[in-house]
Amino acid sequence: MRTVDGRVAGRRGQATRQKLLDCLSEMLSSSPYRDVKVIDVARRAGTSPATFYQYFPDVEGAVLELAEEMASESGGLTALVEGRSWAGRAGWQTAQELVDGFLEFWRQHDAILRVVDLGAAEGDKRFYKIRMKVLNSVNTSLAASVAELQSKGRIDKDVNPGAIAGSLVAMLAAAASHQKGFSSWGVKQAELKPNLALLVHLGVTGRKPTK
């Protein structure tokens, strides 16, 4: 790991850098992204703005670092779909575990995902690429699952695997980012998961799940 001016950071420098990122992450959980200032992050980390600038060009640069770290962890979502069965009870289990894993990932990274969504919506290509990396961790494997079922004649030949997968992933992302809002509609978390899983199963297989 290198500093902004290209020097290799030692163990102590790496620890300082990580502490700055951890403090920034905590602040994003309670403050609007654009209200976070370098001096506030540095103060929270017990260091100075000058030290912050040794590792990051600005707050946005540090936020992008957090976003990249988060996106690298999204690879774990792929395992929830890749190579999994969609037949019988196993298919219902796959749908449930995908929903559960997706919602949990969003809960863990809620603060940084909100910033990524904002940046992507404003047309920032850096944030857009990160958002697509996260969504593609599920989308690509899900489209492959639909295509496999189609090749076996288990779903209609006119179905577009990419369109189905993309629609389901977009639905999951929207629902995941709105988890707290469901309570205002009288929907409990325990009720949300099985209903989302039902929609995913129907979307992938075209059939009601075997429970």
C-alpha atoms as a PDB file:
ATOM      1  CA  MET A   1       0.000   0.000   0.000  1.00  0.00           C
ATOM      2  CA  ARG A   2       1.343   3.384  -1.044  1.00  0.00           C
ATOM      3  CA  THR A   3       0.728   6.927   0.136  1.00  0.00           C
ATOM      4  CA  VAL A   4      -0.592   9.657  -2.169  1.00  0.00           C
ATOM      5  CA  ASP A   5       2.955  10.695  -3.113  1.00  0.00           C
ATOM      6  CA  GLY A   6       3.927   7.123  -3.989  1.00  0.00           C
ATOM      7  CA  ARG A   7       5.863   6.105  -0.872  1.00  0.00           C
ATOM      8  CA  VAL A   8       5.336   2.608   0.513  1.00  0.00           C
ATOM      9  CA  ALA A   9       3.517   2.810   3.844  1.00  0.00           C
ATOM     10  CA  GLY A  10       4.905   0.805   6.733  1.00  0.00           C
ATOM     11  CA  ARG A  11       2.911  -1.198   9.246  1.00  0.00           C
ATOM     12  CA  ARG A  12       2.141   1.857  11.357  1.00  0.00           C
ATOM     13  CA  GLY A  13       1.099   3.844   8.305  1.00  0.00           C
ATOM     14  CA  GLN A  14      -1.207   1.068   7.138  1.00  0.00           C
ATOM     15  CA  ALA A  15      -2.812   0.949  10.582  1.00  0.00           C
ATOM     16  CA  THR A  16      -3.375   4.716  10.495  1.00  0.00           C
ATOM     17  CA  ARG A  17      -4.859   4.518   7.029  1.00  0.00           C
ATOM     18  CA  GLN A  18      -7.238   1.757   8.085  1.00  0.00           C
ATOM     19  CA  LYS A  19      -8.285   3.700  11.172  1.00  0.00           C
ATOM     20  CA  LEU A  20      -9.134   6.690   8.973  1.00  0.00           C
ATOM     21  CA  LEU A  21     -11.261   4.451   6.760  1.00  0.00           C
ATOM     22  CA  ASP A  22     -12.998   2.893   9.773  1.00  0.00           C
ATOM     23  CA  CYS A  23     -13.804   6.320  11.202  1.00  0.00           C
ATOM     24  CA  LEU A  24     -15.092   7.525   7.848  1.00  0.00           C
ATOM     25  CA  SER A  25     -17.308   4.458   7.577  1.00  0.00           C
ATOM     26  CA  GLU A  26     -18.768   5.144  11.016  1.00  0.00           C
ATOM     27  CA  MET A  27     -19.430   8.772  10.119  1.00  0.00           C
ATOM     28  CA  LEU A  28     -21.219   7.825   6.894  1.00  0.00           C
ATOM     29  CA  SER A  29     -23.638   5.773   8.983  1.00  0.00           C
ATOM     30  CA  SER A  30     -24.873   8.879  10.784  1.00  0.00           C
ATOM     31  CA  SER A  31     -24.040  11.839   8.526  1.00  0.00           C
ATOM     32  CA  PRO A  32     -24.871  12.770   4.917  1.00  0.00           C
ATOM     33  CA  TYR A  33     -21.917  12.004   2.639  1.00  0.00           C
ATOM     34  CA  ARG A  34     -21.334  15.611   1.607  1.00  0.00           C
ATOM     35  CA  ASP A  35     -21.382  16.837   5.211  1.00  0.00           C
ATOM     36  CA  VAL A  36     -18.328  14.742   6.111  1.00  0.00           C
ATOM     37  CA  LYS A  37     -15.147  16.840   6.196  1.00  0.00           C
ATOM     38  CA  VAL A  38     -11.491  15.805   6.256  1.00  0.00           C
ATOM     39  CA  ILE A  39     -10.884  17.607   9.534  1.00  0.00           C
ATOM     40  CA  ASP A  40     -13.762  15.721  11.195  1.00  0.00           C
ATOM     41  CA  VAL A  41     -12.519  12.325  10.002  1.00  0.00           C
ATOM     42  CA  ALA A  42      -8.981  13.111  11.134  1.00  0.00           C
ATOM     43  CA  ARG A  43     -10.143  14.351  14.520  1.00  0.00           C
ATOM     44  CA  ARG A  44     -12.238  11.242  15.064  1.00  0.00           C
ATOM     45  CA  ALA A  45      -9.237   9.075  14.187  1.00  0.00           C
ATOM     46  CA  GLY A  46      -7.045  11.027  16.594  1.00  0.00           C
ATOM     47  CA  THR A  47      -4.777  12.409  13.904  1.00  0.00           C
ATOM     48  CA  SER A  48      -4.440  15.497  11.692  1.00  0.00           C
ATOM     49  CA  PRO A  49      -5.781  16.542   8.268  1.00  0.00           C
ATOM     50  CA  ALA A  50      -2.180  16.492   7.015  1.00  0.00           C
ATOM     51  CA  THR A  51      -1.977  12.801   7.884  1.00  0.00           C
ATOM     52  CA  PHE A  52      -5.293  12.153   6.122  1.00  0.00           C
ATOM     53  CA  TYR A  53      -3.931  13.745   2.952  1.00  0.00           C
ATOM     54  CA  GLN A  54      -0.929  11.434   3.064  1.00  0.00           C
ATOM     55  CA  TYR A  55      -3.251   8.527   2.251  1.00  0.00           C
ATOM     56  CA  PHE A  56      -6.226  10.036   0.402  1.00  0.00           C
ATOM     57  CA  PRO A  57      -6.598  13.017  -1.956  1.00  0.00           C
ATOM     58  CA  ASP A  58      -9.931  13.984  -0.354  1.00  0.00           C
ATOM     59  CA  VAL A  59     -13.014  12.509   1.338  1.00  0.00           C
ATOM     60  CA  GLU A  60     -14.348  11.256  -1.975  1.00  0.00           C
ATOM     61  CA  GLY A  61     -11.109   9.376  -2.603  1.00  0.00           C
ATOM     62  CA  ALA A  62     -11.410   7.664   0.774  1.00  0.00           C
ATOM     63  CA  VAL A  63     -15.073   6.862   0.118  1.00  0.00           C
ATOM     64  CA  LEU A  64     -14.089   5.199  -3.148  1.00  0.00           C
ATOM     65  CA  GLU A  65     -11.587   3.073  -1.230  1.00  0.00           C
ATOM     66  CA  LEU A  66     -14.376   1.935   1.095  1.00  0.00           C
ATOM     67  CA  ALA A  67     -16.624   1.258  -1.877  1.00  0.00           C
ATOM     68  CA  GLU A  68     -13.970  -0.838  -3.614  1.00  0.00           C
ATOM     69  CA  GLU A  69     -13.443  -2.887  -0.444  1.00  0.00           C
ATOM     70  CA  MET A  70     -17.183  -3.448  -0.163  1.00  0.00           C
ATOM     71  CA  ALA A  71     -17.444  -4.471  -3.817  1.00  0.00           C
ATOM     72  CA  SER A  72     -14.644  -6.999  -3.395  1.00  0.00           C
ATOM     73  CA  GLU A  73     -16.691  -8.678  -0.660  1.00  0.00           C
ATOM     74  CA  SER A  74     -19.708  -8.954  -2.958  1.00  0.00           C
ATOM     75  CA  GLY A  75     -18.046 -11.945  -4.611  1.00  0.00           C
ATOM     76  CA  GLY A  76     -19.467 -13.980  -1.765  1.00  0.00           C
ATOM     77  CA  LEU A  77     -22.940 -13.388  -3.181  1.00  0.00           C
ATOM     78  CA  THR A  78     -22.001 -15.368  -6.290  1.00  0.00           C
ATOM     79  CA  ALA A  79     -21.785 -18.562  -4.248  1.00  0.00           C
ATOM     80  CA  LEU A  80     -25.448 -18.161  -3.315  1.00  0.00           C
ATOM     81  CA  VAL A  81     -26.412 -18.861  -6.945  1.00  0.00           C
ATOM     82  CA  GLU A  82     -23.524 -20.426  -8.858  1.00  0.00           C
ATOM     83  CA  GLY A  83     -23.871 -24.192  -9.139  1.00  0.00           C
ATOM     84  CA  ARG A  84     -27.000 -24.258  -6.975  1.00  0.00           C
ATOM     85  CA  SER A  85     -30.051 -26.357  -7.810  1.00  0.00           C
ATOM     86  CA  TRP A  86     -33.431 -24.822  -8.623  1.00  0.00           C
ATOM     87  CA  ALA A  87     -35.268 -28.146  -8.596  1.00  0.00           C
ATOM     88  CA  GLY A  88     -37.782 -29.190  -5.944  1.00  0.00           C
ATOM     89  CA  ARG A  89     -37.113 -28.288  -2.350  1.00  0.00           C
ATOM     90  CA  ALA A  90     -33.491 -27.470  -3.170  1.00  0.00           C
ATOM     91  CA  GLY A  91     -34.736 -24.698  -5.442  1.00  0.00           C
ATOM     92  CA  TRP A  92     -36.769 -23.172  -2.639  1.00  0.00           C
ATOM     93  CA  GLN A  93     -33.746 -23.312  -0.364  1.00  0.00           C
ATOM     94  CA  THR A  94     -31.622 -21.615  -3.026  1.00  0.00           C
ATOM     95  CA  ALA A  95     -34.152 -18.794  -3.368  1.00  0.00           C
ATOM     96  CA  GLN A  96     -34.331 -18.309   0.402  1.00  0.00           C
ATOM     97  CA  GLU A  97     -30.575 -18.286   0.897  1.00  0.00           C
ATOM     98  CA  LEU A  98     -30.095 -15.832  -1.975  1.00  0.00           C
ATOM     99  CA  VAL A  99     -32.605 -13.412  -0.462  1.00  0.00           C
ATOM    100  CA  ASP A 100     -31.201 -13.818   3.027  1.00  0.00           C
ATOM    101  CA  GLY A 101     -27.616 -13.264   1.847  1.00  0.00           C
ATOM    102  CA  PHE A 102     -28.561 -10.292  -0.314  1.00  0.00           C
ATOM    103  CA  LEU A 103     -30.449  -8.517   2.467  1.00  0.00           C
ATOM    104  CA  GLU A 104     -27.680  -9.200   4.965  1.00  0.00           C
ATOM    105  CA  PHE A 105     -25.022  -7.824   2.613  1.00  0.00           C
ATOM    106  CA  TRP A 106     -27.029  -4.622   2.235  1.00  0.00           C
ATOM    107  CA  ARG A 107     -27.492  -4.300   5.990  1.00  0.00           C
ATOM    108  CA  GLN A 108     -23.763  -4.708   6.607  1.00  0.00           C
ATOM    109  CA  HIS A 109     -22.795  -2.139   3.974  1.00  0.00           C
ATOM    110  CA  ASP A 110     -25.841   0.126   4.065  1.00  0.00           C
ATOM    111  CA  ALA A 111     -23.949   3.407   4.557  1.00  0.00           C
ATOM    112  CA  ILE A 112     -21.436   2.986   1.734  1.00  0.00           C
ATOM    113  CA  LEU A 113     -24.039   1.495  -0.621  1.00  0.00           C
ATOM    114  CA  ARG A 114     -26.173   4.615  -0.179  1.00  0.00           C
ATOM    115  CA  VAL A 115     -23.215   6.738  -1.254  1.00  0.00           C
ATOM    116  CA  VAL A 116     -22.491   4.434  -4.202  1.00  0.00           C
ATOM    117  CA  ASP A 117     -26.129   4.615  -5.336  1.00  0.00           C
ATOM    118  CA  LEU A 118     -26.067   8.409  -5.051  1.00  0.00           C
ATOM    119  CA  GLY A 119     -22.869   8.714  -7.063  1.00  0.00           C
ATOM    120  CA  ALA A 120     -24.120   6.294  -9.706  1.00  0.00           C
ATOM    121  CA  ALA A 121     -27.453   8.137  -9.991  1.00  0.00           C
ATOM    122  CA  GLU A 122     -25.565  11.404 -10.519  1.00  0.00           C
ATOM    123  CA  GLY A 123     -23.635   9.869 -13.407  1.00  0.00           C
ATOM    124  CA  ASP A 124     -20.280   9.298 -11.707  1.00  0.00           C
ATOM    125  CA  LYS A 125     -18.811   6.417 -13.701  1.00  0.00           C
ATOM    126  CA  ARG A 126     -16.551   5.337 -10.834  1.00  0.00           C
ATOM    127  CA  PHE A 127     -19.478   4.714  -8.529  1.00  0.00           C
ATOM    128  CA  TYR A 128     -21.538   3.237 -11.361  1.00  0.00           C
ATOM    129  CA  LYS A 129     -18.851   0.615 -12.055  1.00  0.00           C
ATOM    130  CA  ILE A 130     -18.719  -0.315  -8.383  1.00  0.00           C
ATOM    131  CA  ARG A 131     -22.498  -0.638  -8.209  1.00  0.00           C
ATOM    132  CA  MET A 132     -22.549  -2.862 -11.285  1.00  0.00           C
ATOM    133  CA  LYS A 133     -19.756  -5.013  -9.861  1.00  0.00           C
ATOM    134  CA  VAL A 134     -21.887  -5.684  -6.784  1.00  0.00           C
ATOM    135  CA  LEU A 135     -25.045  -6.420  -8.772  1.00  0.00           C
ATOM    136  CA  ASN A 136     -23.207  -8.529 -11.362  1.00  0.00           C
ATOM    137  CA  SER A 137     -21.960 -10.807  -8.591  1.00  0.00           C
ATOM    138  CA  VAL A 138     -25.521 -12.177  -8.587  1.00  0.00           C
ATOM    139  CA  ASN A 139     -26.847 -11.172 -11.999  1.00  0.00           C
ATOM    140  CA  THR A 140     -24.377 -13.155 -14.097  1.00  0.00           C
ATOM    141  CA  SER A 141     -24.873 -16.410 -12.175  1.00  0.00           C
ATOM    142  CA  LEU A 142     -28.633 -15.956 -12.013  1.00  0.00           C
ATOM    143  CA  ALA A 143     -28.849 -15.439 -15.777  1.00  0.00           C
ATOM    144  CA  ALA A 144     -26.794 -18.602 -16.254  1.00  0.00           C
ATOM    145  CA  SER A 145     -29.207 -20.525 -14.012  1.00  0.00           C
ATOM    146  CA  VAL A 146     -32.192 -19.354 -16.047  1.00  0.00           C
ATOM    147  CA  ALA A 147     -30.427 -20.222 -19.313  1.00  0.00           C
ATOM    148  CA  GLU A 148     -29.638 -23.703 -18.001  1.00  0.00           C
ATOM    149  CA  LEU A 149     -33.262 -24.341 -17.059  1.00  0.00           C
ATOM    150  CA  GLN A 150     -34.276 -23.062 -20.486  1.00  0.00           C
ATOM    151  CA  SER A 151     -31.864 -25.433 -22.252  1.00  0.00           C
ATOM    152  CA  LYS A 152     -33.460 -28.326 -20.379  1.00  0.00           C
ATOM    153  CA  GLY A 153     -36.922 -27.291 -21.516  1.00  0.00           C
ATOM    154  CA  ARG A 154     -38.070 -26.445 -18.002  1.00  0.00           C
ATOM    155  CA  ILE A 155     -38.979 -22.846 -18.815  1.00  0.00           C
ATOM    156  CA  ASP A 156     -40.358 -21.162 -21.929  1.00  0.00           C
ATOM    157  CA  LYS A 157     -37.908 -20.704 -24.806  1.00  0.00           C
ATOM    158  CA  ASP A 158     -39.049 -17.098 -25.294  1.00  0.00           C
ATOM    159  CA  VAL A 159     -37.798 -16.093 -21.842  1.00  0.00           C
ATOM    160  CA  ASN A 160     -34.750 -13.829 -21.922  1.00  0.00           C
ATOM    161  CA  PRO A 161     -32.380 -15.019 -19.146  1.00  0.00           C
ATOM    162  CA  GLY A 162     -30.630 -11.652 -18.895  1.00  0.00           C
ATOM    163  CA  ALA A 163     -33.882  -9.750 -18.606  1.00  0.00           C
ATOM    164  CA  ILE A 164     -35.232 -12.099 -15.930  1.00  0.00           C
ATOM    165  CA  ALA A 165     -31.999 -12.037 -13.924  1.00  0.00           C
ATOM    166  CA  GLY A 166     -31.610  -8.276 -14.232  1.00  0.00           C
ATOM    167  CA  SER A 167     -35.197  -7.658 -13.140  1.00  0.00           C
ATOM    168  CA  LEU A 168     -34.854  -9.920 -10.110  1.00  0.00           C
ATOM    169  CA  VAL A 169     -31.542  -8.379  -9.051  1.00  0.00           C
ATOM    170  CA  ALA A 170     -32.958  -4.868  -9.449  1.00  0.00           C
ATOM    171  CA  MET A 171     -35.921  -5.907  -7.296  1.00  0.00           C
ATOM    172  CA  LEU A 172     -33.660  -7.354  -4.619  1.00  0.00           C
ATOM    173  CA  ALA A 173     -31.455  -4.251  -4.579  1.00  0.00           C
ATOM    174  CA  ALA A 174     -34.464  -1.952  -4.254  1.00  0.00           C
ATOM    175  CA  ALA A 175     -36.016  -4.071  -1.497  1.00  0.00           C
ATOM    176  CA  ALA A 176     -32.694  -4.391   0.323  1.00  0.00           C
ATOM    177  CA  SER A 177     -32.115  -0.641   0.334  1.00  0.00           C
ATOM    178  CA  HIS A 178     -35.659  -0.092   1.628  1.00  0.00           C
ATOM    179  CA  GLN A 179     -35.627  -2.667   4.434  1.00  0.00           C
ATOM    180  CA  LYS A 180     -36.356  -0.161   7.184  1.00  0.00           C
ATOM    181  CA  GLY A 181     -39.160   1.356   5.146  1.00  0.00           C
ATOM    182  CA  PHE A 182     -41.140  -1.869   4.983  1.00  0.00           C
ATOM    183  CA  SER A 183     -42.036  -1.519   8.658  1.00  0.00           C
ATOM    184  CA  SER A 184     -43.997   1.662   7.841  1.00  0.00           C
ATOM    185  CA  TRP A 185     -46.130  -0.495   5.559  1.00  0.00           C
ATOM    186  CA  GLY A 186     -46.709  -2.990   8.342  1.00  0.00           C
ATOM    187  CA  VAL A 187     -44.336  -5.575   6.860  1.00  0.00           C
ATOM    188  CA  LYS A 188     -42.015  -7.318   9.295  1.00  0.00           C
ATOM    189  CA  GLN A 189     -38.539  -8.518   8.320  1.00  0.00           C
ATOM    190  CA  ALA A 190     -39.604 -12.111   8.976  1.00  0.00           C
ATOM    191  CA  GLU A 191     -42.419 -11.652   6.458  1.00  0.00           C
ATOM    192  CA  LEU A 192     -40.323  -9.885   3.849  1.00  0.00           C
ATOM    193  CA  LYS A 193     -37.793 -12.661   3.299  1.00  0.00           C
ATOM    194  CA  PRO A 194     -40.142 -15.530   2.325  1.00  0.00           C
ATOM    195  CA  ASN A 195     -42.183 -13.293   0.039  1.00  0.00           C
ATOM    196  CA  LEU A 196     -39.085 -12.050  -1.766  1.00  0.00           C
ATOM    197  CA  ALA A 197     -37.874 -15.640  -2.027  1.00  0.00           C
ATOM    198  CA  LEU A 198     -41.230 -16.606  -3.556  1.00  0.00           C
ATOM    199  CA  LEU A 199     -40.863 -13.900  -6.219  1.00  0.00           C
ATOM    200  CA  VAL A 200     -37.281 -14.977  -6.959  1.00  0.00           C
ATOM    201  CA  HIS A 201     -38.280 -18.634  -7.292  1.00  0.00           C
ATOM    202  CA  LEU A 202     -41.219 -17.780  -9.551  1.00  0.00           C
ATOM    203  CA  GLY A 203     -38.994 -15.520 -11.637  1.00  0.00           C
ATOM    204  CA  VAL A 204     -36.265 -18.110 -12.148  1.00  0.00           C
ATOM    205  CA  THR A 205     -38.346 -21.277 -12.537  1.00  0.00           C
ATOM    206  CA  GLY A 206     -41.788 -20.000 -13.507  1.00  0.00           C
ATOM    207  CA  ARG A 207     -43.226 -22.283 -10.830  1.00  0.00           C
ATOM    208  CA  LYS A 208     -44.364 -22.150  -7.243  1.00  0.00           C
ATOM    209  CA  PRO A 209     -41.722 -23.608  -4.909  1.00  0.00           C
ATOM    210  CA  THR A 210     -41.874 -27.062  -3.381  1.00  0.00           C
ATOM    211  CA  LYS A 211     -41.662 -26.513   0.376  1.00  0.00           C
END
